[in-house]
Protein backbone atom coordinates (compact mmCIF):
# COMPACT_ATOMS: atom_id res chain seq x y z
CA PRO A 1 -19.73 -38.47 39.53
CA LEU A 2 -20.86 -34.84 39.97
CA ARG A 3 -24.34 -34.63 40.34
CA GLY A 4 -26.53 -32.73 37.51
CA VAL A 5 -24.13 -33.44 34.94
CA GLN A 6 -25.04 -36.22 32.36
CA GLN A 7 -21.95 -38.99 32.51
CA SER A 8 -21.30 -40.56 28.75
CA PRO A 9 -21.23 -44.33 29.08
CA ARG A 10 -18.23 -45.96 29.93
CA ARG A 11 -16.18 -47.68 27.36
CA ALA A 12 -14.40 -50.81 28.07
CA VAL A 13 -10.51 -50.03 27.93
CA ARG A 14 -8.92 -52.39 25.92
CA ALA A 15 -5.52 -53.89 27.25
CA PRO A 16 -2.71 -53.11 25.30
CA HIS A 17 -2.02 -56.62 24.27
CA ASP A 18 -5.76 -56.76 22.98
CA ARG A 19 -5.13 -53.53 21.07
CA SER A 20 -2.21 -54.86 19.21
CA ARG A 21 -3.82 -57.88 18.69
CA ALA A 22 -6.82 -56.20 16.69
CA GLU A 23 -4.29 -53.89 14.92
CA HIS A 24 -2.50 -57.19 13.77
CA LYS A 25 -5.62 -58.60 12.65
CA HIS A 26 -6.56 -55.34 10.91
CA SER A 27 -3.07 -55.21 9.00
CA THR A 28 -3.10 -58.87 8.25
CA VAL A 29 -6.59 -58.32 6.34
CA TRP A 30 -5.38 -55.11 4.72
CA PHE A 31 -1.70 -56.00 3.76
CA SER A 32 -2.61 -59.22 2.52
CA LYS A 33 -0.93 -60.55 -0.68
CA PRO A 34 -3.41 -60.29 -3.90
CA SER A 35 -3.58 -62.98 -5.74
CA ALA A 36 -1.09 -63.55 -8.68
CA ILE A 37 -2.17 -62.70 -12.18
CA THR A 38 -0.81 -65.18 -14.75
CA THR A 39 -0.35 -64.51 -18.12
CA PRO A 40 -0.64 -67.51 -20.79
CA PRO A 41 2.88 -68.46 -22.12
CA TYR A 42 1.39 -68.08 -25.61
CA VAL A 43 0.62 -64.34 -25.08
CA LEU A 44 4.42 -63.92 -23.90
CA LEU A 45 5.45 -65.52 -26.95
CA LEU A 46 3.19 -63.37 -29.07
CA LEU A 47 4.50 -60.29 -27.44
CA CYS A 48 8.12 -61.39 -28.00
CA GLY A 49 7.65 -62.11 -31.56
CA VAL A 50 5.78 -58.62 -32.03
CA LEU A 51 8.77 -56.91 -30.61
CA LEU A 52 11.36 -58.77 -32.70
CA LEU A 53 9.42 -58.07 -35.89
CA HIS A 54 9.10 -54.53 -34.89
CA ARG A 55 13.25 -54.83 -34.63
CA ALA A 56 13.51 -56.64 -37.82
CA LEU A 57 11.12 -54.25 -39.79
CA ALA A 58 13.18 -50.87 -38.28
CA MET A 59 16.61 -52.82 -39.22
CA ALA A 60 15.06 -53.28 -42.71
CA ASP A 61 14.00 -49.97 -43.29
CA ALA A 62 17.06 -48.58 -41.79
CA SER A 63 19.09 -51.02 -44.49
CA LYS A 64 16.89 -49.59 -47.59
CA ALA A 65 17.41 -46.05 -46.29
CA LEU A 66 21.48 -46.42 -46.48
CA GLN A 67 20.92 -48.31 -49.86
CA LEU A 68 18.82 -45.56 -51.32
CA ALA A 69 21.17 -42.88 -50.01
CA GLU A 70 24.53 -44.78 -51.17
CA GLY A 71 22.87 -44.99 -54.64
CA GLN A 72 22.27 -41.37 -54.75
CA GLN A 73 25.61 -40.32 -53.89
CA MET A 74 27.07 -43.12 -56.39
CA MET A 75 24.94 -41.93 -59.29
CA ALA A 76 25.86 -37.83 -58.70
CA HIS A 77 29.43 -39.12 -58.87
CA LEU A 78 28.56 -40.98 -62.07
CA GLN A 79 26.88 -38.06 -63.63
CA GLU A 80 29.44 -35.80 -62.50
CA ALA A 81 32.19 -37.91 -64.19
CA GLY A 82 30.31 -37.93 -67.34
CA VAL A 83 30.55 -41.64 -67.82
CA ILE A 84 26.98 -42.40 -68.70
CA GLY A 85 25.92 -43.25 -72.04
CA ILE A 86 29.55 -43.24 -73.68
CA ARG A 87 29.62 -44.93 -77.07
CA ARG A 88 31.89 -48.09 -76.97
CA SER A 89 33.18 -50.14 -79.59
CA VAL A 90 30.82 -53.15 -78.24
CA ARG A 91 27.04 -52.48 -77.08
CA VAL A 92 26.62 -54.97 -74.11
CA ARG A 93 22.75 -55.18 -73.29
CA ALA A 94 21.49 -56.51 -70.00
CA ARG A 95 18.12 -58.25 -69.77
CA HIS A 96 16.85 -58.76 -66.24
CA VAL A 97 16.19 -62.26 -65.69
CA PRO A 98 13.41 -62.66 -62.61
CA SER A 99 14.18 -65.18 -59.89
CA SER A 100 11.31 -67.36 -60.88
CA LEU A 101 12.77 -67.82 -64.35
CA THR A 102 16.21 -69.62 -63.59
CA ALA A 103 16.88 -70.62 -67.07
CA PRO A 104 15.80 -68.56 -69.90
CA SER A 105 16.37 -69.40 -73.18
CA LEU A 106 19.81 -68.10 -74.86
CA GLU A 107 20.58 -66.81 -78.31
CA PRO A 108 23.74 -67.57 -79.92
CA GLY A 109 26.45 -65.31 -78.30
CA GLU A 110 24.45 -64.53 -75.16
CA LYS A 111 25.42 -65.16 -71.79
CA LEU A 112 23.61 -65.86 -68.63
CA VAL A 113 25.34 -64.09 -65.47
CA HIS A 114 24.45 -64.12 -62.12
CA PHE A 115 25.99 -60.92 -60.36
CA GLN A 116 26.52 -61.21 -56.55
CA ARG A 117 27.78 -58.61 -54.38
CA HIS A 118 29.71 -59.82 -51.30
CA GLY A 119 28.14 -60.54 -47.81
CA GLN A 120 28.70 -57.80 -45.01
CA GLY A 121 32.44 -57.01 -44.47
CA TYR A 122 33.94 -55.75 -41.20
CA HIS A 123 34.28 -52.23 -43.24
CA ASN A 124 30.82 -52.45 -43.97
CA LEU A 125 30.02 -53.01 -40.02
CA LEU A 126 32.42 -50.05 -39.35
CA GLY A 127 30.45 -47.96 -41.72
CA GLU A 128 27.21 -48.73 -40.14
CA ILE A 129 28.64 -47.89 -36.54
CA TYR A 130 29.77 -44.69 -37.75
CA ARG A 131 26.65 -43.58 -39.41
CA GLY A 132 24.43 -44.88 -36.05
CA LEU A 133 27.05 -42.38 -34.34
CA ASN A 134 25.78 -39.29 -36.88
CA LEU A 135 29.29 -39.51 -38.18
CA HIS A 136 28.93 -38.77 -41.92
CA PHE A 137 31.47 -39.43 -44.42
CA ASP A 138 31.98 -39.94 -47.98
CA SER A 139 31.43 -43.39 -48.86
CA THR A 140 32.63 -42.89 -52.80
CA GLY A 141 36.40 -42.24 -51.67
CA GLU A 142 36.83 -38.63 -53.09
CA ASP A 143 36.75 -37.21 -49.93
CA PRO A 144 38.47 -39.28 -46.92
CA THR A 145 37.45 -37.17 -44.27
CA ASN A 146 36.16 -38.71 -41.26
CA SER A 147 36.03 -42.04 -43.29
CA PRO A 148 36.62 -45.10 -41.48
CA TYR A 149 37.32 -46.89 -44.57
CA VAL A 150 40.97 -45.48 -44.44
CA LEU A 151 41.90 -46.96 -41.32
CA SER A 152 45.11 -49.23 -41.74
CA GLU A 153 43.89 -52.10 -39.66
CA LEU A 154 41.07 -52.46 -42.79
CA VAL A 155 43.42 -53.85 -45.41
CA ASP A 156 41.56 -56.42 -47.46
CA PRO A 157 38.84 -57.23 -44.49
CA PRO A 158 37.14 -60.50 -44.43
CA LEU A 159 33.51 -61.25 -43.66
CA THR A 160 31.75 -60.61 -40.20
CA GLN A 161 29.51 -63.29 -38.94
CA LYS A 162 26.51 -61.53 -40.19
CA GLY A 163 28.34 -61.79 -43.53
CA ARG A 164 28.73 -65.19 -43.51
CA ASP A 165 25.20 -65.95 -42.45
CA GLN A 166 23.97 -63.85 -45.48
CA CYS A 167 26.00 -66.01 -47.66
CA VAL A 168 24.46 -69.41 -46.08
CA ALA A 169 20.92 -67.63 -46.60
CA ALA A 170 21.57 -66.97 -50.33
CA ARG A 171 22.56 -70.84 -50.80
CA ALA A 172 18.75 -71.21 -51.48
CA ALA A 173 18.89 -68.96 -54.42
CA ALA A 174 22.27 -69.96 -55.60
CA GLU A 175 21.10 -73.91 -55.80
CA LEU A 176 18.51 -72.68 -58.15
CA VAL A 177 21.10 -71.63 -60.96
CA SER A 178 23.65 -73.73 -62.82
CA PRO A 179 27.09 -71.81 -63.18
CA GLN A 180 29.70 -73.16 -65.21
CA LYS A 181 32.34 -71.22 -63.85
CA ILE A 182 32.27 -68.42 -60.85
CA ILE A 183 34.77 -65.32 -61.46
CA VAL A 184 35.40 -63.36 -58.19
CA SER A 185 37.09 -60.21 -57.17
CA PRO A 186 40.66 -61.27 -55.95
CA LEU A 187 39.57 -59.37 -52.35
CA CYS A 188 39.04 -61.62 -49.48
CA ARG A 189 35.38 -60.90 -48.99
CA ALA A 190 34.39 -61.63 -52.23
CA VAL A 191 36.21 -65.10 -52.51
CA GLN A 192 34.85 -65.81 -49.16
CA THR A 193 31.22 -64.91 -50.54
CA ALA A 194 31.61 -66.82 -53.71
CA ILE A 195 32.82 -70.14 -51.58
CA LEU A 196 29.95 -69.85 -48.91
CA THR A 197 27.16 -69.06 -51.23
CA PHE A 198 27.65 -71.42 -54.31
CA ASP A 199 29.02 -74.22 -52.11
CA LYS A 200 26.83 -76.60 -53.66
CA SER A 201 28.04 -75.88 -57.18
CA ILE A 202 31.63 -76.09 -56.26
CA SER A 203 31.44 -78.96 -54.16
CA ASP A 204 29.15 -81.29 -56.37
CA SER A 205 29.64 -79.94 -59.83
CA ARG A 206 33.18 -79.13 -59.33
CA VAL A 207 32.86 -75.81 -60.82
CA SER A 208 36.02 -73.76 -60.89
CA VAL A 209 36.49 -70.33 -58.72
CA ILE A 210 38.65 -68.01 -60.86
CA ALA A 211 39.86 -64.85 -59.32
CA HIS A 212 39.81 -61.75 -61.81
CA GLU A 213 41.72 -58.24 -61.05
CA ASP A 214 39.10 -56.52 -63.34
CA ILE A 215 36.19 -57.12 -61.16
CA ARG A 216 37.77 -55.81 -57.87
CA GLU A 217 36.43 -52.69 -55.95
CA SER A 218 37.24 -49.05 -57.09
CA PHE A 219 40.66 -48.95 -55.66
CA GLY A 220 42.82 -45.95 -53.92
CA ARG A 221 42.61 -44.29 -50.53
CA HIS A 222 40.20 -46.86 -48.81
CA THR A 223 42.21 -49.38 -47.39
CA CYS A 224 39.43 -51.80 -47.11
CA ASP A 225 39.98 -52.02 -51.15
CA LYS A 226 43.65 -52.92 -51.21
CA ARG A 227 43.89 -56.65 -51.70
CA ARG A 228 46.63 -58.57 -49.69
CA THR A 229 49.28 -60.55 -51.51
CA VAL A 230 48.36 -63.33 -54.09
CA SER A 231 50.56 -65.68 -52.03
CA GLU A 232 48.52 -64.99 -48.79
CA SER A 233 45.31 -65.68 -50.68
CA LYS A 234 46.63 -68.89 -52.08
CA ARG A 235 47.34 -70.25 -48.75
CA GLU A 236 43.86 -69.57 -47.57
CA PHE A 237 41.92 -70.22 -50.81
CA ARG A 238 43.76 -73.26 -52.09
CA ASP A 239 40.82 -74.12 -54.40
CA VAL A 240 40.67 -70.67 -56.47
CA ASP A 241 42.52 -70.18 -59.37
CA PHE A 242 44.45 -67.04 -58.65
CA SER A 243 46.82 -67.44 -62.45
CA LEU A 244 44.87 -64.29 -63.84
CA ILE A 245 46.45 -61.88 -61.29
CA ALA A 246 49.64 -60.48 -62.79
CA THR A 247 51.33 -59.41 -59.76
CA ASP A 248 51.73 -60.83 -56.06
CA GLU A 249 51.66 -57.34 -54.54
CA ASP A 250 48.90 -54.91 -55.05
CA THR A 251 50.49 -52.42 -57.39
CA TRP A 252 47.19 -50.87 -58.40
CA TRP A 253 45.94 -49.29 -55.05
CA GLN A 254 47.61 -46.03 -54.09
CA ALA A 255 47.20 -44.09 -50.60
CA ASP A 256 46.53 -40.69 -51.94
CA VAL A 257 44.69 -41.47 -55.48
CA ARG A 258 41.38 -42.81 -56.12
CA GLU A 259 40.59 -44.61 -59.55
CA SER A 260 38.65 -42.41 -61.68
CA LYS A 261 35.17 -43.27 -62.86
CA ALA A 262 36.57 -43.10 -66.58
CA LEU A 263 39.09 -45.77 -65.91
CA GLU A 264 36.99 -48.01 -63.73
CA CYS A 265 34.26 -48.01 -66.68
CA ASP A 266 37.25 -49.05 -69.09
CA ARG A 267 38.11 -51.71 -66.59
CA ILE A 268 34.42 -52.71 -66.31
CA PHE A 269 34.11 -52.70 -70.19
CA ARG A 270 37.26 -54.91 -70.55
CA PHE A 271 36.23 -57.46 -68.26
CA LEU A 272 32.71 -58.09 -70.35
CA LEU A 273 34.75 -58.55 -73.51
CA TRP A 274 36.67 -61.12 -71.34
CA LEU A 275 33.40 -62.70 -70.52
CA ARG A 276 32.16 -62.44 -73.75
CA GLU A 277 35.23 -64.85 -75.00
CA GLN A 278 34.77 -67.53 -72.37
CA PRO A 279 33.22 -70.66 -73.85
CA GLU A 280 30.69 -71.28 -70.98
CA THR A 281 27.20 -69.56 -71.20
CA GLU A 282 26.26 -69.63 -67.54
CA MET A 283 28.42 -67.79 -65.16
CA ALA A 284 28.39 -66.10 -61.54
CA VAL A 285 30.25 -63.06 -60.72
CA VAL A 286 30.98 -62.02 -57.32
CA GLY A 287 31.88 -58.36 -56.70
CA HIS A 288 31.56 -55.25 -54.92
CA SER A 289 28.93 -52.64 -54.59
CA SER A 290 30.60 -49.43 -56.49
CA TYR A 291 31.63 -51.69 -58.97
CA LEU A 292 28.17 -53.19 -59.65
CA PHE A 293 26.45 -49.91 -59.63
CA THR A 294 28.81 -48.43 -62.00
CA LEU A 295 28.66 -51.48 -64.22
CA PHE A 296 24.66 -51.65 -64.40
CA ASN A 297 24.36 -47.64 -64.80
CA ALA A 298 27.35 -46.86 -66.55
CA VAL A 299 28.38 -49.40 -68.92
CA LEU A 300 25.83 -51.95 -69.64
CA ASP A 301 22.75 -50.93 -71.39
CA CYS A 302 19.87 -52.08 -69.14
CA GLY A 303 17.10 -50.40 -71.39
CA GLU A 304 13.81 -50.69 -69.67
CA ASP A 305 15.08 -53.02 -67.04
CA ILE A 306 17.22 -50.25 -65.41
CA GLY A 307 14.17 -50.12 -62.77
CA GLU A 308 15.18 -53.51 -61.61
CA LEU A 309 18.99 -53.64 -62.30
CA GLY A 310 20.09 -50.02 -61.37
CA PRO A 311 19.63 -49.74 -57.85
CA PHE A 312 22.29 -50.25 -55.03
CA PHE A 313 23.05 -53.81 -54.46
CA ALA A 314 22.14 -54.95 -50.78
CA THR A 315 24.81 -57.05 -49.28
CA CYS A 316 25.08 -60.86 -50.60
CA GLU A 317 22.28 -59.80 -52.92
CA ILE A 318 22.20 -61.94 -56.53
CA ARG A 319 20.84 -60.24 -59.63
CA SER A 320 20.33 -62.58 -62.85
CA VAL A 321 20.71 -61.08 -66.45
CA VAL A 322 21.26 -62.18 -70.11
CA LEU A 323 24.14 -60.25 -71.57
CA SER A 324 24.06 -59.74 -75.31
CA PHE A 325 26.98 -58.13 -77.19
CA GLU A 326 26.65 -55.84 -80.19
CA ASP A 327 29.83 -54.90 -82.51
CA GLN A 328 29.23 -51.07 -83.11
CA PRO A 329 30.30 -49.45 -86.58
CA GLU A 330 33.03 -47.18 -86.03
CA GLU A 331 32.25 -43.48 -86.65
């Protein structure tokens, strides 16, 4: 040591193995695994429920928006065709029957009819996929550009699994009514819907199911609205009566011409007159969206009940009405 220079106190030099031990001790404390934070199971279930509810509400909103858009498009088509409010030889009035009133009293000549749109078909699914991809198309059939409904693979498509589930869900409403006859469009999706929805009436009460050509969907251009042969339908639906269908092949459908709204309204009116002549007083009719929209907005006189009866049908929806028929004097 140098004299006159104050020396700092000596520090002990830690051996390498001692330093590593200290560092190891320090690191053990610093990086020790924190205690796990546990979430109660009921909180996880609640979160899952909220997410599922949010998804269901979003899907319901999208479905309602689609129904509104479809209805607006169809109404514009009816107005353009000039078929709303045409005077006919028989005035057919429709009175809405709330679901809480399943057996209203009927006057002589009146019919209680439960109208149902078919469940989701594969063409409906494809249409939803197109719209989800922002591929816009005209669903009325006037302009086939970009329409998925003209694909050759879509001839008379059946129900999807969702469509079948919709029919099963509709059984609760169907079991509250007592149709004495079920009339269906001969298209596959409508026949399937009737059989699945009114299963109890068909199996327990032996109610007959009759296919009628006059309640099929607007036809032409859209391959999804072209029916299969009657012989093929008979093989699949052995308990359905197809005797009212005049031809085995679909002679109505044309690839390049869509049925006009005027002709469709005449066809609907013809069916209503047939319905009037049936001995049964309570019946179910299973058909299609465009047909039902035209029926309630252009052919039937719904009066003050148009708010309940006029909107576009959701898939598998059932609406009950009392129909009355009034012969009109010749002008």
